[in-house]
PDB file of N, CA and C in Angstrom:
ATOM      1  N   MET A   1      -9.597   4.105 -14.383  1.00  0.00           N
ATOM      2  CA  MET A   1      -8.178   4.182 -14.083  1.00  0.00           C
ATOM      3  C   MET A   1      -7.651   5.601 -14.292  1.00  0.00           C
ATOM      4  N   LYS A   2      -8.362   6.384 -15.118  1.00  0.00           N
ATOM      5  CA  LYS A   2      -7.940   7.770 -15.325  1.00  0.00           C
ATOM      6  C   LYS A   2      -8.053   8.573 -14.035  1.00  0.00           C
ATOM      7  N   ILE A   3      -9.054   8.258 -13.225  1.00  0.00           N
ATOM      8  CA  ILE A   3      -9.227   8.976 -11.960  1.00  0.00           C
ATOM      9  C   ILE A   3      -8.037   8.718 -11.048  1.00  0.00           C
ATOM     10  N   PHE A   4      -7.580   7.465 -11.001  1.00  0.00           N
ATOM     11  CA  PHE A   4      -6.431   7.127 -10.164  1.00  0.00           C
ATOM     12  C   PHE A   4      -5.212   7.944 -10.562  1.00  0.00           C
ATOM     13  N   TRP A   5      -4.890   7.969 -11.852  1.00  0.00           N
ATOM     14  CA  TRP A   5      -3.701   8.679 -12.310  1.00  0.00           C
ATOM     15  C   TRP A   5      -3.847  10.185 -12.124  1.00  0.00           C
ATOM     16  N   THR A   6      -5.058  10.701 -12.258  1.00  0.00           N
ATOM     17  CA  THR A   6      -5.279  12.126 -12.011  1.00  0.00           C
ATOM     18  C   THR A   6      -5.025  12.459 -10.550  1.00  0.00           C
ATOM     19  N   VAL A   7      -5.589  11.666  -9.639  1.00  0.00           N
ATOM     20  CA  VAL A   7      -5.373  11.899  -8.208  1.00  0.00           C
ATOM     21  C   VAL A   7      -3.892  11.728  -7.870  1.00  0.00           C
ATOM     22  N   PHE A   8      -3.246  10.741  -8.468  1.00  0.00           N
ATOM     23  CA  PHE A   8      -1.820  10.522  -8.242  1.00  0.00           C
ATOM     24  C   PHE A   8      -1.007  11.752  -8.644  1.00  0.00           C
ATOM     25  N   LEU A   9      -1.289  12.299  -9.821  1.00  0.00           N
ATOM     26  CA  LEU A   9      -0.543  13.468 -10.287  1.00  0.00           C
ATOM     27  C   LEU A   9      -0.838  14.705  -9.431  1.00  0.00           C
ATOM     28  N   VAL A  10      -2.072  14.850  -8.981  1.00  0.00           N
ATOM     29  CA  VAL A  10      -2.403  15.962  -8.097  1.00  0.00           C
ATOM     30  C   VAL A  10      -1.642  15.821  -6.780  1.00  0.00           C
ATOM     31  N   LEU A  11      -1.611  14.618  -6.218  1.00  0.00           N
ATOM     32  CA  LEU A  11      -0.865  14.404  -4.972  1.00  0.00           C
ATOM     33  C   LEU A  11       0.635  14.604  -5.178  1.00  0.00           C
ATOM     34  N   LEU A  12       1.126  14.229  -6.346  1.00  0.00           N
ATOM     35  CA  LEU A  12       2.543  14.441  -6.646  1.00  0.00           C
ATOM     36  C   LEU A  12       2.870  15.933  -6.642  1.00  0.00           C
ATOM     37  N   PHE A  13       1.987  16.739  -7.207  1.00  0.00           N
ATOM     38  CA  PHE A  13       2.185  18.183  -7.194  1.00  0.00           C
ATOM     39  C   PHE A  13       2.047  18.737  -5.777  1.00  0.00           C
ATOM     40  N   LEU A  14       1.019  18.290  -5.048  1.00  0.00           N
ATOM     41  CA  LEU A  14       0.769  18.810  -3.703  1.00  0.00           C
ATOM     42  C   LEU A  14       1.868  18.421  -2.716  1.00  0.00           C
ATOM     43  N   HIS A  15       2.632  17.408  -3.026  1.00  0.00           N
ATOM     44  CA  HIS A  15       3.697  16.973  -2.130  1.00  0.00           C
ATOM     45  C   HIS A  15       4.776  18.039  -1.979  1.00  0.00           C
ATOM     46  N   GLN A  16       4.942  18.904  -2.969  1.00  0.00           N
ATOM     47  CA  GLN A  16       5.992  19.923  -2.915  1.00  0.00           C
ATOM     48  C   GLN A  16       5.749  20.934  -1.802  1.00  0.00           C
ATOM     49  N   ASP A  17       4.500  21.270  -1.545  1.00  0.00           N
ATOM     50  CA  ASP A  17       4.126  22.095  -0.397  1.00  0.00           C
ATOM     51  C   ASP A  17       4.908  23.408  -0.321  1.00  0.00           C
ATOM     52  N   PHE A  18       5.089  24.069  -1.446  1.00  0.00           N
ATOM     53  CA  PHE A  18       5.877  25.301  -1.464  1.00  0.00           C
ATOM     54  C   PHE A  18       5.171  26.468  -0.772  1.00  0.00           C
ATOM     55  N   TRP A  19       3.864  26.394  -0.557  1.00  0.00           N
ATOM     56  CA  TRP A  19       3.123  27.488   0.082  1.00  0.00           C
ATOM     57  C   TRP A  19       3.241  27.455   1.607  1.00  0.00           C
ATOM     58  N   ASN A  20       3.721  26.375   2.195  1.00  0.00           N
ATOM     59  CA  ASN A  20       3.877  26.297   3.647  1.00  0.00           C
ATOM     60  C   ASN A  20       5.336  26.358   4.093  1.00  0.00           C
ATOM     61  N   TRP A  21       6.260  26.574   3.186  1.00  0.00           N
ATOM     62  CA  TRP A  21       7.671  26.525   3.553  1.00  0.00           C
ATOM     63  C   TRP A  21       8.048  27.584   4.590  1.00  0.00           C
ATOM     64  N   ALA A  22       7.552  28.782   4.446  1.00  0.00           N
ATOM     65  CA  ALA A  22       7.962  29.873   5.328  1.00  0.00           C
ATOM     66  C   ALA A  22       7.055  30.018   6.549  1.00  0.00           C
ATOM     67  N   SER A  23       6.017  29.210   6.641  1.00  0.00           N
ATOM     68  CA  SER A  23       5.065  29.339   7.736  1.00  0.00           C
ATOM     69  C   SER A  23       5.571  28.630   8.984  1.00  0.00           C
ATOM     70  N   GLU A  24       5.576  29.377  10.098  1.00  0.00           N
ATOM     71  CA  GLU A  24       5.959  28.792  11.382  1.00  0.00           C
ATOM     72  C   GLU A  24       4.787  28.769  12.344  1.00  0.00           C
ATOM     73  N   ASP A  25       3.589  28.962  11.838  1.00  0.00           N
ATOM     74  CA  ASP A  25       2.398  28.989  12.684  1.00  0.00           C
ATOM     75  C   ASP A  25       2.118  27.613  13.265  1.00  0.00           C
ATOM     76  N   VAL A  26       1.810  27.578  14.550  1.00  0.00           N
ATOM     77  CA  VAL A  26       1.378  26.347  15.202  1.00  0.00           C
ATOM     78  C   VAL A  26      -0.143  26.350  15.132  1.00  0.00           C
ATOM     79  N   VAL A  27      -0.722  25.344  14.470  1.00  0.00           N
ATOM     80  CA  VAL A  27      -2.154  25.393  14.199  1.00  0.00           C
ATOM     81  C   VAL A  27      -2.967  24.431  15.042  1.00  0.00           C
ATOM     82  N   ALA A  28      -2.584  23.188  15.156  1.00  0.00           N
ATOM     83  CA  ALA A  28      -3.396  22.218  15.893  1.00  0.00           C
ATOM     84  C   ALA A  28      -2.502  21.179  16.536  1.00  0.00           C
ATOM     85  N   LEU A  29      -2.869  20.792  17.747  1.00  0.00           N
ATOM     86  CA  LEU A  29      -2.149  19.760  18.495  1.00  0.00           C
ATOM     87  C   LEU A  29      -0.678  20.100  18.676  1.00  0.00           C
ATOM     88  N   GLY A  30      -0.351  21.374  18.665  1.00  0.00           N
ATOM     89  CA  GLY A  30       1.036  21.801  18.835  1.00  0.00           C
ATOM     90  C   GLY A  30       1.900  21.525  17.628  1.00  0.00           C
ATOM     91  N   MET A  31       1.272  21.288  16.493  1.00  0.00           N
ATOM     92  CA  MET A  31       2.028  20.965  15.277  1.00  0.00           C
ATOM     93  C   MET A  31       2.093  22.182  14.358  1.00  0.00           C
ATOM     94  N   PRO A  32       3.251  22.415  13.760  1.00  0.00           N
ATOM     95  CA  PRO A  32       3.340  23.486  12.764  1.00  0.00           C
ATOM     96  C   PRO A  32       2.465  23.158  11.549  1.00  0.00           C
ATOM     97  N   ARG A  33       2.122  24.180  10.821  1.00  0.00           N
ATOM     98  CA  ARG A  33       1.227  24.029   9.670  1.00  0.00           C
ATOM     99  C   ARG A  33       1.762  23.012   8.652  1.00  0.00           C
ATOM    100  N   GLY A  34       3.047  23.059   8.340  1.00  0.00           N
ATOM    101  CA  GLY A  34       3.625  22.145   7.356  1.00  0.00           C
ATOM    102  C   GLY A  34       3.576  20.694   7.802  1.00  0.00           C
ATOM    103  N   LEU A  35       3.828  20.450   9.085  1.00  0.00           N
ATOM    104  CA  LEU A  35       3.799  19.085   9.606  1.00  0.00           C
ATOM    105  C   LEU A  35       2.372  18.530   9.594  1.00  0.00           C
ATOM    106  N   LEU A  36       1.411  19.356   9.989  1.00  0.00           N
ATOM    107  CA  LEU A  36       0.015  18.934   9.954  1.00  0.00           C
ATOM    108  C   LEU A  36      -0.437  18.663   8.520  1.00  0.00           C
ATOM    109  N   TYR A  37       0.009  19.506   7.602  1.00  0.00           N
ATOM    110  CA  TYR A  37      -0.300  19.308   6.188  1.00  0.00           C
ATOM    111  C   TYR A  37       0.218  17.952   5.718  1.00  0.00           C
ATOM    112  N   HIS A  38       1.452  17.645   6.051  1.00  0.00           N
ATOM    113  CA  HIS A  38       2.033  16.378   5.594  1.00  0.00           C
ATOM    114  C   HIS A  38       1.441  15.175   6.312  1.00  0.00           C
ATOM    115  N   ALA A  39       0.926  15.349   7.503  1.00  0.00           N
ATOM    116  CA  ALA A  39       0.216  14.248   8.166  1.00  0.00           C
ATOM    117  C   ALA A  39      -1.045  13.894   7.382  1.00  0.00           C
ATOM    118  N   PHE A  40      -1.808  14.912   7.007  1.00  0.00           N
ATOM    119  CA  PHE A  40      -3.005  14.653   6.201  1.00  0.00           C
ATOM    120  C   PHE A  40      -2.647  14.188   4.789  1.00  0.00           C
ATOM    121  N   PHE A  41      -1.546  14.706   4.256  1.00  0.00           N
ATOM    122  CA  PHE A  41      -1.084  14.263   2.942  1.00  0.00           C
ATOM    123  C   PHE A  41      -0.732  12.769   2.969  1.00  0.00           C
ATOM    124  N   SER A  42      -0.084  12.316   4.033  1.00  0.00           N
ATOM    125  CA  SER A  42       0.253  10.895   4.174  1.00  0.00           C
ATOM    126  C   SER A  42      -0.994  10.027   4.243  1.00  0.00           C
ATOM    127  N   LEU A  43      -2.020  10.510   4.938  1.00  0.00           N
ATOM    128  CA  LEU A  43      -3.286   9.767   4.979  1.00  0.00           C
ATOM    129  C   LEU A  43      -3.925   9.687   3.597  1.00  0.00           C
ATOM    130  N   ALA A  44      -3.852  10.768   2.835  1.00  0.00           N
ATOM    131  CA  ALA A  44      -4.407  10.771   1.482  1.00  0.00           C
ATOM    132  C   ALA A  44      -3.650   9.788   0.582  1.00  0.00           C
ATOM    133  N   CYS A  45      -2.332   9.747   0.702  1.00  0.00           N
ATOM    134  CA  CYS A  45      -1.537   8.805  -0.103  1.00  0.00           C
ATOM    135  C   CYS A  45      -1.825   7.361   0.297  1.00  0.00           C
ATOM    136  N   SER A  46      -2.011   7.125   1.586  1.00  0.00           N
ATOM    137  CA  SER A  46      -2.362   5.775   2.040  1.00  0.00           C
ATOM    138  C   SER A  46      -3.721   5.357   1.491  1.00  0.00           C
ATOM    139  N   GLY A  47      -4.666   6.280   1.481  1.00  0.00           N
ATOM    140  CA  GLY A  47      -5.978   5.990   0.908  1.00  0.00           C
ATOM    141  C   GLY A  47      -5.898   5.696  -0.577  1.00  0.00           C
ATOM    142  N   LEU A  48      -5.076   6.447  -1.293  1.00  0.00           N
ATOM    143  CA  LEU A  48      -4.910   6.203  -2.728  1.00  0.00           C
ATOM    144  C   LEU A  48      -4.269   4.840  -2.966  1.00  0.00           C
ATOM    145  N   GLY A  49      -3.292   4.481  -2.157  1.00  0.00           N
ATOM    146  CA  GLY A  49      -2.662   3.164  -2.302  1.00  0.00           C
ATOM    147  C   GLY A  49      -3.621   2.030  -2.009  1.00  0.00           C
ATOM    148  N   ALA A  50      -4.431   2.182  -0.964  1.00  0.00           N
ATOM    149  CA  ALA A  50      -5.422   1.154  -0.643  1.00  0.00           C
ATOM    150  C   ALA A  50      -6.458   1.031  -1.749  1.00  0.00           C
ATOM    151  N   TRP A  51      -6.886   2.160  -2.280  1.00  0.00           N
ATOM    152  CA  TRP A  51      -7.847   2.146  -3.390  1.00  0.00           C
ATOM    153  C   TRP A  51      -7.260   1.434  -4.603  1.00  0.00           C
ATOM    154  N   ALA A  52      -5.985   1.689  -4.892  1.00  0.00           N
ATOM    155  CA  ALA A  52      -5.336   1.046  -6.029  1.00  0.00           C
ATOM    156  C   ALA A  52      -5.267  -0.464  -5.843  1.00  0.00           C
ATOM    157  N   VAL A  53      -4.968  -0.907  -4.640  1.00  0.00           N
ATOM    158  CA  VAL A  53      -4.887  -2.347  -4.388  1.00  0.00           C
ATOM    159  C   VAL A  53      -6.258  -2.997  -4.546  1.00  0.00           C
ATOM    160  N   PHE A  54      -7.288  -2.380  -3.998  1.00  0.00           N
ATOM    161  CA  PHE A  54      -8.625  -2.970  -4.091  1.00  0.00           C
ATOM    162  C   PHE A  54      -9.173  -2.946  -5.510  1.00  0.00           C
ATOM    163  N   ARG A  55      -8.810  -1.940  -6.297  1.00  0.00           N
ATOM    164  CA  ARG A  55      -9.343  -1.825  -7.651  1.00  0.00           C
ATOM    165  C   ARG A  55      -8.506  -2.575  -8.682  1.00  0.00           C
ATOM    166  N   ALA A  56      -7.202  -2.644  -8.494  1.00  0.00           N
ATOM    167  CA  ALA A  56      -6.328  -3.174  -9.536  1.00  0.00           C
ATOM    168  C   ALA A  56      -5.771  -4.559  -9.235  1.00  0.00           C
ATOM    169  N   TRP A  57      -6.098  -5.141  -8.092  1.00  0.00           N
ATOM    170  CA  TRP A  57      -5.564  -6.453  -7.743  1.00  0.00           C
ATOM    171  C   TRP A  57      -6.134  -7.494  -8.703  1.00  0.00           C
ATOM    172  N   PRO A  58      -5.284  -8.282  -9.359  1.00  0.00           N
ATOM    173  CA  PRO A  58      -5.776  -9.271 -10.323  1.00  0.00           C
ATOM    174  C   PRO A  58      -6.598 -10.373  -9.642  1.00  0.00           C
ATOM    175  N   GLU A  59      -7.804 -10.596 -10.137  1.00  0.00           N
ATOM    176  CA  GLU A  59      -8.672 -11.624  -9.556  1.00  0.00           C
ATOM    177  C   GLU A  59      -8.123 -13.031  -9.789  1.00  0.00           C
ATOM    178  N   GLU A  60      -7.339 -13.210 -10.833  1.00  0.00           N
ATOM    179  CA  GLU A  60      -6.762 -14.527 -11.099  1.00  0.00           C
ATOM    180  C   GLU A  60      -5.861 -14.967  -9.947  1.00  0.00           C
ATOM    181  N   TRP A  61      -5.177 -14.018  -9.330  1.00  0.00           N
ATOM    182  CA  TRP A  61      -4.301 -14.363  -8.211  1.00  0.00           C
ATOM    183  C   TRP A  61      -5.107 -14.871  -7.034  1.00  0.00           C
ATOM    184  N   GLU A  62      -6.257 -14.272  -6.809  1.00  0.00           N
ATOM    185  CA  GLU A  62      -7.113 -14.721  -5.713  1.00  0.00           C
ATOM    186  C   GLU A  62      -7.654 -16.123  -5.988  1.00  0.00           C
ATOM    187  N   GLN A  63      -8.035 -16.383  -7.224  1.00  0.00           N
ATOM    188  CA  GLN A  63      -8.553 -17.709  -7.573  1.00  0.00           C
ATOM    189  C   GLN A  63      -7.461 -18.752  -7.420  1.00  0.00           C
ATOM    190  N   ASP A  64      -6.231 -18.426  -7.813  1.00  0.00           N
ATOM    191  CA  ASP A  64      -5.125 -19.363  -7.657  1.00  0.00           C
ATOM    192  C   ASP A  64      -4.823 -19.618  -6.192  1.00  0.00           C
ATOM    193  N   ALA A  65      -4.945 -18.600  -5.358  1.00  0.00           N
ATOM    194  CA  ALA A  65      -4.643 -18.746  -3.938  1.00  0.00           C
ATOM    195  C   ALA A  65      -5.701 -19.574  -3.215  1.00  0.00           C
ATOM    196  N   GLU A  66      -6.939 -19.546  -3.699  1.00  0.00           N
ATOM    197  CA  GLU A  66      -8.015 -20.273  -3.033  1.00  0.00           C
ATOM    198  C   GLU A  66      -8.026 -21.756  -3.384  1.00  0.00           C
ATOM    199  N   GLN A  67      -7.372 -22.146  -4.473  1.00  0.00           N
ATOM    200  CA  GLN A  67      -7.345 -23.551  -4.861  1.00  0.00           C
ATOM    201  C   GLN A  67      -6.339 -24.302  -3.995  1.00  0.00           C
ATOM    202  N   PRO A  68      -6.684 -25.543  -3.609  1.00  0.00           N
ATOM    203  CA  PRO A  68      -5.714 -26.333  -2.837  1.00  0.00           C
ATOM    204  C   PRO A  68      -4.532 -26.713  -3.728  1.00  0.00           C
ATOM    205  N   PRO A  69      -3.363 -26.831  -3.134  1.00  0.00           N
ATOM    206  CA  PRO A  69      -2.188 -27.179  -3.941  1.00  0.00           C
ATOM    207  C   PRO A  69      -2.318 -28.597  -4.494  1.00  0.00           C
ATOM    208  N   GLU A  70      -1.849 -28.762  -5.719  1.00  0.00           N
ATOM    209  CA  GLU A  70      -1.885 -30.084  -6.344  1.00  0.00           C
ATOM    210  C   GLU A  70      -0.673 -30.880  -5.865  1.00  0.00           C
ATOM    211  N   ASP A  71      -0.919 -32.131  -5.457  1.00  0.00           N
ATOM    212  CA  ASP A  71       0.174 -32.982  -5.000  1.00  0.00           C
ATOM    213  C   ASP A  71       0.920 -33.543  -6.195  1.00  0.00           C
ATOM    214  N   ALA A  72       2.217 -33.498  -6.109  1.00  0.00           N
ATOM    215  CA  ALA A  72       3.041 -34.081  -7.163  1.00  0.00           C
ATOM    216  C   ALA A  72       3.141 -35.582  -6.930  1.00  0.00           C
ATOM    217  N   GLU A  73       3.145 -36.333  -8.029  1.00  0.00           N
ATOM    218  CA  GLU A  73       3.225 -37.796  -7.894  1.00  0.00           C
ATOM    219  C   GLU A  73       4.622 -38.193  -7.452  1.00  0.00           C
ATOM    220  N   GLY A  74       4.666 -39.169  -6.568  1.00  0.00           N
ATOM    221  CA  GLY A  74       5.943 -39.709  -6.128  1.00  0.00           C
ATOM    222  C   GLY A  74       6.617 -38.883  -5.042  1.00  0.00           C
ATOM    223  N   VAL A  75       5.972 -37.877  -4.538  1.00  0.00           N
ATOM    224  CA  VAL A  75       6.561 -37.053  -3.488  1.00  0.00           C
ATOM    225  C   VAL A  75       5.962 -37.487  -2.162  1.00  0.00           C
ATOM    226  N   GLU A  76       6.825 -37.742  -1.190  1.00  0.00           N
ATOM    227  CA  GLU A  76       6.345 -38.159   0.121  1.00  0.00           C
ATOM    228  C   GLU A  76       5.694 -36.992   0.825  1.00  0.00           C
ATOM    229  N   GLN A  77       4.591 -37.235   1.490  1.00  0.00           N
ATOM    230  CA  GLN A  77       3.873 -36.190   2.205  1.00  0.00           C
ATOM    231  C   GLN A  77       4.370 -36.042   3.636  1.00  0.00           C
ATOM    232  N   SER A  78       5.222 -36.924   4.073  1.00  0.00           N
ATOM    233  CA  SER A  78       5.718 -36.886   5.438  1.00  0.00           C
ATOM    234  C   SER A  78       6.722 -35.755   5.591  1.00  0.00           C
ATOM    235  N   SER A  79       6.617 -35.035   6.695  1.00  0.00           N
ATOM    236  CA  SER A  79       7.542 -33.931   6.924  1.00  0.00           C
ATOM    237  C   SER A  79       8.745 -34.355   7.761  1.00  0.00           C
ATOM    238  N   SER A  80       8.692 -35.570   8.292  1.00  0.00           N
ATOM    239  CA  SER A  80       9.811 -36.024   9.114  1.00  0.00           C
ATOM    240  C   SER A  80      10.889 -36.639   8.212  1.00  0.00           C
ATOM    241  N   ILE A  81      12.104 -36.471   8.627  1.00  0.00           N
ATOM    242  CA  ILE A  81      13.224 -36.991   7.852  1.00  0.00           C
ATOM    243  C   ILE A  81      13.648 -38.308   8.507  1.00  0.00           C
ATOM    244  N   SER A  82      13.722 -39.350   7.690  1.00  0.00           N
ATOM    245  CA  SER A  82      14.119 -40.640   8.242  1.00  0.00           C
ATOM    246  C   SER A  82      15.641 -40.754   8.187  1.00  0.00           C
ATOM    247  N   ARG A  83      16.194 -41.302   9.260  1.00  0.00           N
ATOM    248  CA  ARG A  83      17.645 -41.495   9.324  1.00  0.00           C
ATOM    249  C   ARG A  83      17.935 -42.977   9.327  1.00  0.00           C
ATOM    250  N   SER A  84      18.869 -43.341   8.545  1.00  0.00           N
ATOM    251  CA  SER A  84      19.299 -44.744   8.606  1.00  0.00           C
ATOM    252  C   SER A  84      20.587 -44.780   9.411  1.00  0.00           C
ATOM    253  N   GLU A  85      20.557 -45.615  10.438  1.00  0.00           N
ATOM    254  CA  GLU A  85      21.719 -45.682  11.310  1.00  0.00           C
ATOM    255  C   GLU A  85      22.374 -47.025  11.186  1.00  0.00           C
TER     256      GLU A  85
END
C-alpha cells in the first residue's frame, strides 16, 4: 500500500505542471505540450485508480454479492399487485 500512496503523491505533485506553463510548442497530433502532458497524466491517474480498485476492493463484498438473496418468511414472491374490486 506504500507504493500506491507514493505514486499518488508523485502524481499530485506532477499535476501542477509548472514547467509547461509558458510553453506554446505544438508537439504531437497538433496538441500543445501542456495538453499532451495532461492527456498522458489523465491516463496515469486512471491506471492508478484501476490499480487501487483491483488491489483494495474488499473480498467480503464479492462473497456477499455472489450469494443468493435469502427469502424472508411471510413475504409474497409475486410481483403482481392484486386488486379487489
